[in-house]
């Protein structure tokens, strides 16, 4: 049960692109798009809708949803965590792992996505989370609906690095060249505490694939996987298209 809500509007998305094979992913991403100059040149807020936020071992996770009718081609979010007095206690831009945080790609309406970054403080110090966006581009035109990829949790265990979520991921109808998979975790009290996320390549159609998702933070006893999302993504500067035939 994701029950802790951000005090201000936060944004992000998860999308399911129409794909008929690995080569179609880059074709989708090279399609028509429109960049908003105002949103690209400065930070703006609000853009998207918040579902919840949570903290574990100094890592802040924020789950967000696209309430609009357009697919977001990409956007970069910057988060600021504040205490009850409004003072800043951490931000995504000051996180040691800020390079892995906060850009989303090709994400459709009414879907969820989880950001996470290290703030180095415990949950008791964070009273609200602010967000702003830059480098915003929207996809134009229509994309037909596609059967969603499915993620099913198998088990969750502790290791020396933190915790591992093991899951089976399936692309029912079509092969997928690259996919993002995320698991949303609830603590022993049933409140959302963390998201664990990763990107994998070359999913065959209809064949479940077992993956391991490493979280680099320990989890309290009784933590459970509340839900999962899995969705195709295309290539970008950091993730070129894979050669699935090889």
Protein backbone atom coordinates (compact mmCIF):
# COMPACT_ATOMS: atom_id res chain seq x y z
CA UNK A 1 0.00 0.00 0.00
CA UNK A 2 1.66 3.22 -1.17
CA UNK A 3 0.26 5.65 1.36
CA UNK A 4 2.82 8.44 1.86
CA UNK A 5 2.11 11.32 -0.50
CA UNK A 6 4.42 14.11 -1.65
CA UNK A 7 3.33 17.54 -0.44
CA UNK A 8 3.97 19.18 -3.80
CA UNK A 9 3.44 17.98 -7.35
CA UNK A 10 6.14 15.64 -8.61
CA UNK A 11 6.48 14.01 -12.01
CA UNK A 12 7.47 10.98 -13.99
CA UNK A 13 5.95 8.32 -16.17
CA UNK A 14 5.96 4.75 -17.32
CA UNK A 15 5.05 3.90 -20.90
CA UNK A 16 4.31 0.92 -23.08
CA UNK A 17 5.42 1.43 -26.68
CA UNK A 18 4.00 -0.37 -29.66
CA UNK A 19 6.64 -2.84 -30.80
CA UNK A 20 6.72 -5.70 -33.24
CA UNK A 21 10.41 -6.53 -32.87
CA UNK A 22 13.79 -5.30 -31.70
CA UNK A 23 14.35 -3.12 -34.76
CA UNK A 24 11.04 -1.34 -34.23
CA UNK A 25 12.16 0.21 -30.94
CA UNK A 26 14.64 2.60 -32.53
CA UNK A 27 12.12 3.28 -35.30
CA UNK A 28 9.62 4.41 -32.69
CA UNK A 29 12.18 6.59 -30.95
CA UNK A 30 13.37 8.21 -34.17
CA UNK A 31 9.81 9.28 -34.96
CA UNK A 32 8.25 12.69 -34.71
CA UNK A 33 8.63 14.61 -31.48
CA UNK A 34 8.31 18.19 -30.31
CA UNK A 35 10.62 19.85 -27.79
CA UNK A 36 9.25 22.63 -25.61
CA UNK A 37 11.95 25.36 -25.62
CA UNK A 38 10.65 26.96 -22.41
CA UNK A 39 10.71 23.68 -20.53
CA UNK A 40 14.13 22.80 -21.91
CA UNK A 41 15.83 26.04 -20.93
CA UNK A 42 14.65 26.34 -17.34
CA UNK A 43 13.28 24.29 -14.49
CA UNK A 44 9.49 24.29 -14.29
CA UNK A 45 6.90 22.73 -11.98
CA UNK A 46 4.40 21.13 -11.86
CA UNK A 47 4.42 18.79 -14.85
CA UNK A 48 3.19 15.40 -13.62
CA UNK A 49 1.37 13.80 -10.72
CA UNK A 50 2.76 12.16 -7.58
CA UNK A 51 1.68 8.77 -6.29
CA UNK A 52 3.88 8.49 -3.19
CA UNK A 53 7.36 8.70 -1.73
CA UNK A 54 9.32 6.66 0.78
CA UNK A 55 12.77 6.32 2.33
CA UNK A 56 15.03 3.47 3.39
CA UNK A 57 18.65 3.69 4.60
CA UNK A 58 19.02 7.26 3.31
CA UNK A 59 17.61 6.53 -0.16
CA UNK A 60 14.53 8.51 -1.20
CA UNK A 61 12.16 6.97 -3.78
CA UNK A 62 9.36 8.86 -5.53
CA UNK A 63 6.63 7.15 -7.58
CA UNK A 64 4.89 9.31 -10.13
CA UNK A 65 2.15 9.08 -12.80
CA UNK A 66 1.34 10.80 -16.08
CA UNK A 67 -2.18 12.26 -15.80
CA UNK A 68 -2.17 13.75 -19.30
CA UNK A 69 -3.01 12.53 -22.77
CA UNK A 70 0.43 12.80 -24.39
CA UNK A 71 3.42 10.48 -24.32
CA UNK A 72 6.51 12.04 -22.79
CA UNK A 73 9.53 11.55 -25.07
CA UNK A 74 11.91 12.49 -22.27
CA UNK A 75 12.25 14.79 -19.26
CA UNK A 76 14.78 15.25 -16.48
CA UNK A 77 13.50 15.79 -12.95
CA UNK A 78 15.31 17.47 -10.05
CA UNK A 79 14.09 16.62 -6.54
CA UNK A 80 14.55 18.56 -3.31
CA UNK A 81 13.69 16.97 0.06
CA UNK A 82 12.67 19.37 2.85
CA UNK A 83 12.08 19.02 6.57
CA UNK A 84 9.02 20.24 8.50
CA UNK A 85 10.47 23.77 8.63
CA UNK A 86 10.99 23.89 4.87
CA UNK A 87 14.77 23.59 5.06
CA UNK A 88 16.52 21.50 2.40
CA UNK A 89 17.86 18.20 3.77
CA UNK A 90 18.88 16.59 0.46
CA UNK A 91 18.45 16.71 -3.30
CA UNK A 92 18.92 14.59 -6.40
CA UNK A 93 21.51 17.04 -7.73
CA UNK A 94 23.70 16.62 -4.63
CA UNK A 95 23.33 12.83 -4.54
CA UNK A 96 26.53 10.84 -5.10
CA UNK A 97 24.60 8.78 -7.65
CA UNK A 98 22.94 11.70 -9.42
CA UNK A 99 24.18 10.43 -12.78
CA UNK A 100 21.81 7.45 -12.50
CA UNK A 101 18.84 9.50 -11.38
CA UNK A 102 16.23 11.23 -12.89
CA UNK A 103 15.46 11.04 -16.62
CA UNK A 104 12.52 9.18 -18.13
CA UNK A 105 12.00 8.22 -21.78
CA UNK A 106 9.01 7.44 -24.04
CA UNK A 107 6.44 7.07 -21.30
CA UNK A 108 2.72 7.02 -21.93
CA UNK A 109 -0.27 8.50 -20.11
CA UNK A 110 -1.74 6.98 -16.94
CA UNK A 111 1.35 4.91 -16.15
CA UNK A 112 3.71 4.99 -13.15
CA UNK A 113 7.47 5.34 -12.82
CA UNK A 114 9.82 5.34 -9.84
CA UNK A 115 12.79 7.64 -9.28
CA UNK A 116 15.31 7.06 -6.50
CA UNK A 117 18.37 8.87 -5.17
CA UNK A 118 20.45 9.03 -2.01
CA UNK A 119 19.71 11.90 0.37
CA UNK A 120 21.65 10.55 3.35
CA UNK A 121 18.95 11.31 5.93
CA UNK A 122 16.27 9.18 7.53
CA UNK A 123 12.56 9.37 6.79
CA UNK A 124 11.82 11.31 9.95
CA UNK A 125 13.66 14.34 8.57
CA UNK A 126 11.80 14.47 5.24
CA UNK A 127 8.40 16.17 5.42
CA UNK A 128 7.89 17.05 1.75
CA UNK A 129 9.48 16.65 -1.66
CA UNK A 130 9.59 19.31 -4.40
CA UNK A 131 10.35 18.62 -8.05
CA UNK A 132 11.06 20.62 -11.17
CA UNK A 133 11.72 19.55 -14.77
CA UNK A 134 13.95 20.43 -17.69
CA UNK A 135 14.86 18.99 -21.11
CA UNK A 136 11.21 18.20 -21.80
CA UNK A 137 10.04 16.76 -25.12
CA UNK A 138 6.64 15.29 -25.99
CA UNK A 139 5.92 12.69 -28.63
CA UNK A 140 3.53 13.78 -31.35
CA UNK A 141 1.09 11.65 -33.27
CA UNK A 142 -0.64 8.48 -32.13
CA UNK A 143 0.86 5.19 -31.01
CA UNK A 144 -1.35 2.12 -31.00
CA UNK A 145 -1.72 0.28 -27.70
CA UNK A 146 0.62 -2.65 -27.11
CA UNK A 147 0.28 -5.64 -24.76
CA UNK A 148 2.17 -4.76 -21.61
CA UNK A 149 5.25 -6.59 -20.54
CA UNK A 150 4.66 -8.44 -17.28
CA UNK A 151 6.84 -8.65 -14.21
CA UNK A 152 6.14 -11.20 -11.47
CA UNK A 153 8.18 -11.21 -8.24
CA UNK A 154 9.67 -14.58 -7.27
CA UNK A 155 11.65 -13.88 -4.09
CA UNK A 156 13.59 -11.19 -2.24
CA UNK A 157 16.78 -11.86 -0.30
CA UNK A 158 19.50 -9.94 1.50
CA UNK A 159 23.13 -9.92 0.40
CA UNK A 160 26.32 -8.05 1.30
CA UNK A 161 25.37 -5.14 -0.97
CA UNK A 162 21.80 -4.72 0.30
CA UNK A 163 18.95 -6.73 -1.15
CA UNK A 164 18.03 -8.58 -4.35
CA UNK A 165 14.58 -8.87 -5.90
CA UNK A 166 14.27 -11.90 -8.20
CA UNK A 167 11.50 -11.65 -10.80
CA UNK A 168 10.21 -13.29 -13.97
CA UNK A 169 9.63 -10.86 -16.86
CA UNK A 170 7.64 -11.72 -19.98
CA UNK A 171 6.93 -9.87 -23.22
CA UNK A 172 3.75 -11.72 -24.31
CA UNK A 173 3.40 -10.68 -27.96
CA UNK A 174 6.66 -9.32 -29.33
CA UNK A 175 10.41 -9.47 -28.80
CA UNK A 176 11.81 -6.41 -27.00
CA UNK A 177 15.30 -5.02 -27.48
CA UNK A 178 15.52 -3.05 -24.24
CA UNK A 179 13.22 -2.83 -21.23
CA UNK A 180 13.09 -1.08 -17.88
CA UNK A 181 11.83 -3.20 -14.97
CA UNK A 182 10.93 -1.75 -11.58
CA UNK A 183 9.68 -3.21 -8.32
CA UNK A 184 7.86 -1.06 -5.75
CA UNK A 185 8.58 -2.19 -2.18
CA UNK A 186 6.47 -1.83 0.98
CA UNK A 187 7.96 -1.94 4.46
CA UNK A 188 6.65 -4.16 7.28
CA UNK A 189 4.02 -1.51 8.15
CA UNK A 190 2.61 -1.63 4.61
CA UNK A 191 3.89 1.80 3.58
CA UNK A 192 5.90 2.32 0.41
CA UNK A 193 9.64 2.60 1.14
CA UNK A 194 11.66 2.04 -2.05
CA UNK A 195 11.86 1.35 -5.76
CA UNK A 196 14.46 -0.96 -7.28
CA UNK A 197 15.03 -0.56 -11.00
CA UNK A 198 17.16 -1.77 -13.88
CA UNK A 199 17.41 -2.04 -17.66
CA UNK A 200 17.74 -5.37 -19.51
CA UNK A 201 18.08 -6.27 -23.18
CA UNK A 202 16.83 -8.83 -25.69
CA UNK A 203 13.58 -10.35 -24.41
CA UNK A 204 12.13 -13.11 -26.59
CA UNK A 205 8.39 -13.05 -27.22
CA UNK A 206 6.32 -15.17 -24.85
CA UNK A 207 9.27 -16.61 -22.92
CA UNK A 208 9.60 -15.70 -19.22
CA UNK A 209 13.05 -14.44 -18.31
CA UNK A 210 14.35 -14.48 -14.77
CA UNK A 211 16.21 -11.35 -13.68
CA UNK A 212 17.87 -10.18 -10.46
CA UNK A 213 17.38 -6.57 -9.36
CA UNK A 214 20.05 -5.34 -6.96
CA UNK A 215 19.18 -2.67 -4.39
CA UNK A 216 22.29 -1.15 -2.81
CA UNK A 217 20.61 -0.54 0.54
CA UNK A 218 19.54 -2.97 3.28
CA UNK A 219 15.79 -3.51 3.75
CA UNK A 220 13.94 -4.06 7.02
CA UNK A 221 12.62 -7.54 7.81
CA UNK A 222 9.10 -7.95 6.48
CA UNK A 223 9.61 -5.87 3.31
CA UNK A 224 7.43 -7.07 0.42
CA UNK A 225 7.08 -6.37 -3.31
CA UNK A 226 3.85 -4.36 -3.64
CA UNK A 227 3.83 -4.25 -7.46
CA UNK A 228 6.04 -4.30 -10.54
CA UNK A 229 6.20 -2.54 -13.89
CA UNK A 230 8.06 -3.57 -17.05
CA UNK A 231 8.06 -1.64 -20.32
CA UNK A 232 10.03 -1.37 -23.57
CA UNK A 233 12.39 1.56 -24.09
CA UNK A 234 14.43 2.58 -27.10
CA UNK A 235 18.03 3.53 -27.47
CA UNK A 236 19.52 6.75 -26.16
CA UNK A 237 23.00 8.18 -25.81
CA UNK A 238 23.83 6.00 -22.80
CA UNK A 239 22.01 2.88 -24.03
CA UNK A 240 22.53 2.17 -27.75
CA UNK A 241 20.34 -0.38 -29.47
CA UNK A 242 21.47 -3.94 -28.65
CA UNK A 243 22.28 -6.55 -31.27
CA UNK A 244 19.70 -9.13 -30.20
CA UNK A 245 20.47 -11.42 -33.13
CA UNK A 246 24.00 -11.86 -31.80
